[in-house]
C-alpha atoms as a PDB file:
ATOM      1  CA  MET A   1      51.269   3.035  10.053  1.00  0.00           C
ATOM      2  CA  PRO A   2      50.877   0.579   7.172  1.00  0.00           C
ATOM      3  CA  LEU A   3      48.786  -2.541   7.607  1.00  0.00           C
ATOM      4  CA  SER A   4      50.940  -5.470   8.637  1.00  0.00           C
ATOM      5  CA  LEU A   5      50.245  -8.656   6.745  1.00  0.00           C
ATOM      6  CA  SER A   6      52.229 -10.625   9.259  1.00  0.00           C
ATOM      7  CA  ASN A   7      49.254 -10.661  11.635  1.00  0.00           C
ATOM      8  CA  PRO A   8      46.269 -12.264   9.836  1.00  0.00           C
ATOM      9  CA  GLN A   9      43.847 -11.410  12.672  1.00  0.00           C
ATOM     10  CA  VAL A  10      44.429  -7.658  12.225  1.00  0.00           C
ATOM     11  CA  ALA A  11      43.925  -7.931   8.447  1.00  0.00           C
ATOM     12  CA  TYR A  12      40.679  -9.868   8.978  1.00  0.00           C
ATOM     13  CA  GLU A  13      39.330  -7.254  11.425  1.00  0.00           C
ATOM     14  CA  GLN A  14      40.146  -4.467   8.963  1.00  0.00           C
ATOM     15  CA  LYS A  15      38.253  -6.266   6.164  1.00  0.00           C
ATOM     16  CA  LYS A  16      35.216  -6.724   8.452  1.00  0.00           C
ATOM     17  CA  ASP A  17      35.166  -2.999   9.217  1.00  0.00           C
ATOM     18  CA  ASP A  18      35.440  -2.110   5.526  1.00  0.00           C
ATOM     19  CA  ARG A  19      32.516  -4.395   4.659  1.00  0.00           C
ATOM     20  CA  LEU A  20      30.355  -2.766   7.298  1.00  0.00           C
ATOM     21  CA  ILE A  21      31.112   0.721   5.953  1.00  0.00           C
ATOM     22  CA  VAL A  22      30.293  -0.366   2.391  1.00  0.00           C
ATOM     23  CA  LEU A  23      27.007  -1.971   3.433  1.00  0.00           C
ATOM     24  CA  LEU A  24      25.964   1.082   5.438  1.00  0.00           C
ATOM     25  CA  SER A  25      26.821   3.361   2.528  1.00  0.00           C
ATOM     26  CA  ILE A  26      24.717   1.265   0.144  1.00  0.00           C
ATOM     27  CA  GLY A  27      21.813   1.319   2.613  1.00  0.00           C
ATOM     28  CA  VAL A  28      21.941   5.115   2.979  1.00  0.00           C
ATOM     29  CA  PHE A  29      22.158   5.547  -0.792  1.00  0.00           C
ATOM     30  CA  LEU A  30      19.114   3.302  -1.395  1.00  0.00           C
ATOM     31  CA  LEU A  31      17.131   5.066   1.328  1.00  0.00           C
ATOM     32  CA  LEU A  32      17.819   8.473  -0.220  1.00  0.00           C
ATOM     33  CA  TYR A  33      17.122   7.226  -3.743  1.00  0.00           C
ATOM     34  CA  PHE A  34      13.739   5.708  -2.902  1.00  0.00           C
ATOM     35  CA  SER A  35      12.642   8.611  -0.709  1.00  0.00           C
ATOM     36  CA  LEU A  36      13.363  11.017  -3.569  1.00  0.00           C
ATOM     37  CA  GLN A  37      11.481   8.778  -6.008  1.00  0.00           C
ATOM     38  CA  LEU A  38       8.422   8.760  -3.764  1.00  0.00           C
ATOM     39  CA  ASN A  39       8.425  12.551  -3.428  1.00  0.00           C
ATOM     40  CA  ILE A  40       9.051  13.360  -7.077  1.00  0.00           C
ATOM     41  CA  SER A  41       6.843  10.921  -8.957  1.00  0.00           C
ATOM     42  CA  PRO A  42       3.178  11.932  -9.366  1.00  0.00           C
ATOM     43  CA  SER A  43       0.257   9.653  -8.581  1.00  0.00           C
ATOM     44  CA  PRO A  44      -0.913   7.368 -11.436  1.00  0.00           C
ATOM     45  CA  SER A  45      -3.978   9.545 -12.055  1.00  0.00           C
ATOM     46  CA  GLY A  46      -1.822  12.672 -12.335  1.00  0.00           C
ATOM     47  CA  LYS A  47      -3.589  14.260  -9.351  1.00  0.00           C
ATOM     48  CA  GLU A  48      -1.945  14.939  -6.037  1.00  0.00           C
ATOM     49  CA  ILE A  49      -3.601  12.951  -3.284  1.00  0.00           C
ATOM     50  CA  GLN A  50      -3.579  13.232   0.477  1.00  0.00           C
ATOM     51  CA  VAL A  51      -4.256  10.712   3.200  1.00  0.00           C
ATOM     52  CA  GLN A  52      -6.047  11.912   6.323  1.00  0.00           C
ATOM     53  CA  TRP A  53      -6.975  10.234   9.575  1.00  0.00           C
ATOM     54  CA  ARG A  54     -10.562  10.973  10.620  1.00  0.00           C
ATOM     55  CA  GLY A  55     -12.221   9.264  13.565  1.00  0.00           C
ATOM     56  CA  GLY A  56     -10.719   5.811  13.171  1.00  0.00           C
ATOM     57  CA  ARG A  57     -10.838   5.843   9.387  1.00  0.00           C
ATOM     58  CA  ILE A  58      -8.314   6.606   6.697  1.00  0.00           C
ATOM     59  CA  VAL A  59      -9.636   9.050   4.116  1.00  0.00           C
ATOM     60  CA  VAL A  60      -7.947   9.265   0.724  1.00  0.00           C
ATOM     61  CA  CYS A  61      -8.903  12.294  -1.358  1.00  0.00           C
ATOM     62  CA  GLU A  62      -7.525  14.788  -3.817  1.00  0.00           C
ATOM     63  CA  LYS A  63      -5.162  17.362  -2.352  1.00  0.00           C
ATOM     64  CA  GLY A  64      -6.864  20.625  -1.487  1.00  0.00           C
ATOM     65  CA  ILE A  65     -10.257  19.051  -0.936  1.00  0.00           C
ATOM     66  CA  SER A  66     -11.302  19.245   2.704  1.00  0.00           C
ATOM     67  CA  SER A  67     -13.847  16.446   2.529  1.00  0.00           C
ATOM     68  CA  PRO A  68     -13.979  13.342   0.348  1.00  0.00           C
ATOM     69  CA  LEU A  69     -17.656  14.110  -0.212  1.00  0.00           C
ATOM     70  CA  GLU A  70     -16.606  17.155  -2.234  1.00  0.00           C
ATOM     71  CA  ALA A  71     -14.762  14.917  -4.666  1.00  0.00           C
ATOM     72  CA  GLN A  72     -16.840  12.936  -7.083  1.00  0.00           C
ATOM     73  CA  GLY A  73     -16.243   9.223  -6.911  1.00  0.00           C
ATOM     74  CA  GLU A  74     -13.984   9.425  -3.869  1.00  0.00           C
ATOM     75  CA  GLU A  75     -14.921   7.470  -0.782  1.00  0.00           C
ATOM     76  CA  ASP A  76     -13.510   6.566   2.616  1.00  0.00           C
ATOM     77  CA  VAL A  77     -11.180   3.625   2.894  1.00  0.00           C
ATOM     78  CA  ALA A  78     -11.807   1.687   6.103  1.00  0.00           C
ATOM     79  CA  ILE A  79      -8.880   0.186   7.966  1.00  0.00           C
ATOM     80  CA  PRO A  80      -9.044  -3.614   8.060  1.00  0.00           C
ATOM     81  CA  ALA A  81      -9.674  -4.950  11.576  1.00  0.00           C
ATOM     82  CA  VAL A  82      -6.273  -6.617  11.702  1.00  0.00           C
ATOM     83  CA  LEU A  83      -4.447  -3.299  11.164  1.00  0.00           C
ATOM     84  CA  THR A  84      -6.335  -1.184  13.724  1.00  0.00           C
ATOM     85  CA  PRO A  85      -3.801  -1.791  16.533  1.00  0.00           C
ATOM     86  CA  PHE A  86      -1.054  -0.268  14.348  1.00  0.00           C
ATOM     87  CA  PHE A  87      -3.063   2.940  13.941  1.00  0.00           C
ATOM     88  CA  PHE A  88      -4.199   3.024  17.599  1.00  0.00           C
ATOM     89  CA  ALA A  89      -7.755   2.926  16.312  1.00  0.00           C
ATOM     90  CA  PRO A  90     -10.719   1.316  18.056  1.00  0.00           C
ATOM     91  CA  LEU A  91     -11.166  -2.338  17.163  1.00  0.00           C
ATOM     92  CA  PRO A  92     -14.184  -2.993  14.897  1.00  0.00           C
ATOM     93  CA  ILE A  93     -16.047  -5.485  17.073  1.00  0.00           C
ATOM     94  CA  ASN A  94     -18.242  -6.750  14.230  1.00  0.00           C
ATOM     95  CA  GLU A  95     -15.240  -7.722  12.071  1.00  0.00           C
ATOM     96  CA  ALA A  96     -12.769  -8.965  14.689  1.00  0.00           C
ATOM     97  CA  ASP A  97     -11.997 -12.649  15.058  1.00  0.00           C
ATOM     98  CA  GLN A  98     -11.213 -14.387  18.353  1.00  0.00           C
ATOM     99  CA  ASP A  99      -7.443 -13.846  18.199  1.00  0.00           C
ATOM    100  CA  LEU A 100      -7.883 -10.140  17.541  1.00  0.00           C
ATOM    101  CA  LEU A 101     -10.400  -9.736  20.368  1.00  0.00           C
ATOM    102  CA  GLU A 102      -7.966 -11.410  22.761  1.00  0.00           C
ATOM    103  CA  THR A 103      -5.389  -8.671  22.122  1.00  0.00           C
ATOM    104  CA  LEU A 104      -7.480  -6.249  24.208  1.00  0.00           C
ATOM    105  CA  THR A 105      -6.806  -6.044  27.924  1.00  0.00           C
ATOM    106  CA  GLY A 106      -9.561  -7.782  29.869  1.00  0.00           C
ATOM    107  CA  ILE A 107     -10.626 -10.151  27.104  1.00  0.00           C
ATOM    108  CA  GLY A 108      -9.512 -13.757  27.332  1.00  0.00           C
ATOM    109  CA  PRO A 109     -10.339 -16.742  25.142  1.00  0.00           C
ATOM    110  CA  HIS A 110     -13.670 -17.436  26.886  1.00  0.00           C
ATOM    111  CA  LEU A 111     -14.970 -13.849  26.690  1.00  0.00           C
ATOM    112  CA  ALA A 112     -13.815 -13.505  23.063  1.00  0.00           C
ATOM    113  CA  ALA A 113     -15.741 -16.671  22.189  1.00  0.00           C
ATOM    114  CA  GLU A 114     -18.828 -15.315  23.994  1.00  0.00           C
ATOM    115  CA  ILE A 115     -18.626 -12.025  22.061  1.00  0.00           C
ATOM    116  CA  ILE A 116     -18.446 -13.886  18.745  1.00  0.00           C
ATOM    117  CA  LYS A 117     -21.265 -16.250  19.749  1.00  0.00           C
ATOM    118  CA  THR A 118     -23.511 -13.319  20.743  1.00  0.00           C
ATOM    119  CA  ARG A 119     -22.641 -11.444  17.530  1.00  0.00           C
ATOM    120  CA  GLU A 120     -23.552 -14.458  15.392  1.00  0.00           C
ATOM    121  CA  LYS A 121     -26.761 -15.090  17.341  1.00  0.00           C
ATOM    122  CA  GLN A 122     -28.130 -11.530  17.683  1.00  0.00           C
ATOM    123  CA  GLY A 123     -26.482  -9.742  14.762  1.00  0.00           C
ATOM    124  CA  PRO A 124     -23.892  -6.957  14.713  1.00  0.00           C
ATOM    125  CA  PHE A 125     -23.282  -4.685  17.678  1.00  0.00           C
ATOM    126  CA  ARG A 126     -24.552  -1.152  16.979  1.00  0.00           C
ATOM    127  CA  ARG A 127     -23.645   0.668  20.219  1.00  0.00           C
ATOM    128  CA  PRO A 128     -21.736  -0.031  23.468  1.00  0.00           C
ATOM    129  CA  GLU A 129     -24.928  -1.000  25.329  1.00  0.00           C
ATOM    130  CA  ASP A 130     -25.284  -4.011  23.016  1.00  0.00           C
ATOM    131  CA  LEU A 131     -22.308  -5.549  24.820  1.00  0.00           C
ATOM    132  CA  LEU A 132     -24.525  -6.126  27.861  1.00  0.00           C
ATOM    133  CA  ALA A 133     -26.091  -9.055  25.974  1.00  0.00           C
ATOM    134  CA  VAL A 134     -22.741 -10.882  26.116  1.00  0.00           C
ATOM    135  CA  ARG A 135     -22.514 -13.314  29.015  1.00  0.00           C
ATOM    136  CA  GLY A 136     -19.636 -12.116  31.210  1.00  0.00           C
ATOM    137  CA  ILE A 137     -19.929  -8.400  30.407  1.00  0.00           C
ATOM    138  CA  GLY A 138     -21.702  -6.221  32.928  1.00  0.00           C
ATOM    139  CA  LYS A 139     -22.148  -2.467  33.089  1.00  0.00           C
ATOM    140  CA  LYS A 140     -18.642  -1.905  34.486  1.00  0.00           C
ATOM    141  CA  ARG A 141     -16.929  -3.944  31.766  1.00  0.00           C
ATOM    142  CA  MET A 142     -19.142  -2.430  29.094  1.00  0.00           C
ATOM    143  CA  LEU A 143     -17.943   1.044  30.097  1.00  0.00           C
ATOM    144  CA  MET A 144     -14.347  -0.193  30.068  1.00  0.00           C
ATOM    145  CA  PHE A 145     -14.695  -1.583  26.512  1.00  0.00           C
ATOM    146  CA  ALA A 146     -16.869   1.228  25.084  1.00  0.00           C
ATOM    147  CA  ASP A 147     -13.911   3.288  23.814  1.00  0.00           C
ATOM    148  CA  GLN A 148     -11.884   0.283  22.674  1.00  0.00           C
ATOM    149  CA  PHE A 149     -14.430  -0.883  20.100  1.00  0.00           C
ATOM    150  CA  SER A 150     -15.926   0.712  16.999  1.00  0.00           C
ATOM    151  CA  TYR A 151     -19.441  -0.303  16.014  1.00  0.00           C
ATOM    152  CA  ARG A 152     -19.544   0.048  12.206  1.00  0.00           C
END
């Protein structure tokens, strides 16, 4: 059945549907184009690289090398404290600010401020037992936070 121009509402709805199809087609085309570009183009150095996740750290090394220590000049790339929640990694307690500390369950503004104050006063935390020096953290809380923090 041909489109009737006598009803402007029907013509408008048809144009809206056509625009949506065109936009979706463009989006799919761009997604395919850029995904192919990323897979085909080599790295700037000409070497194939791989990214691995090892114990809360991202390791970037040449493909085929099992350890970055085998590669000369390659070293680990640490995840910034702000990005650790996106990688489900432990939060680096010695780099975290108050807002970042408050994202953990059980830490409010007062306890986060106490952690920062203790860190500035006594130096960086080296192991979970160092948390006992923070006012408001006892043995039970220390055990609760032990796996949530990294002590680098």
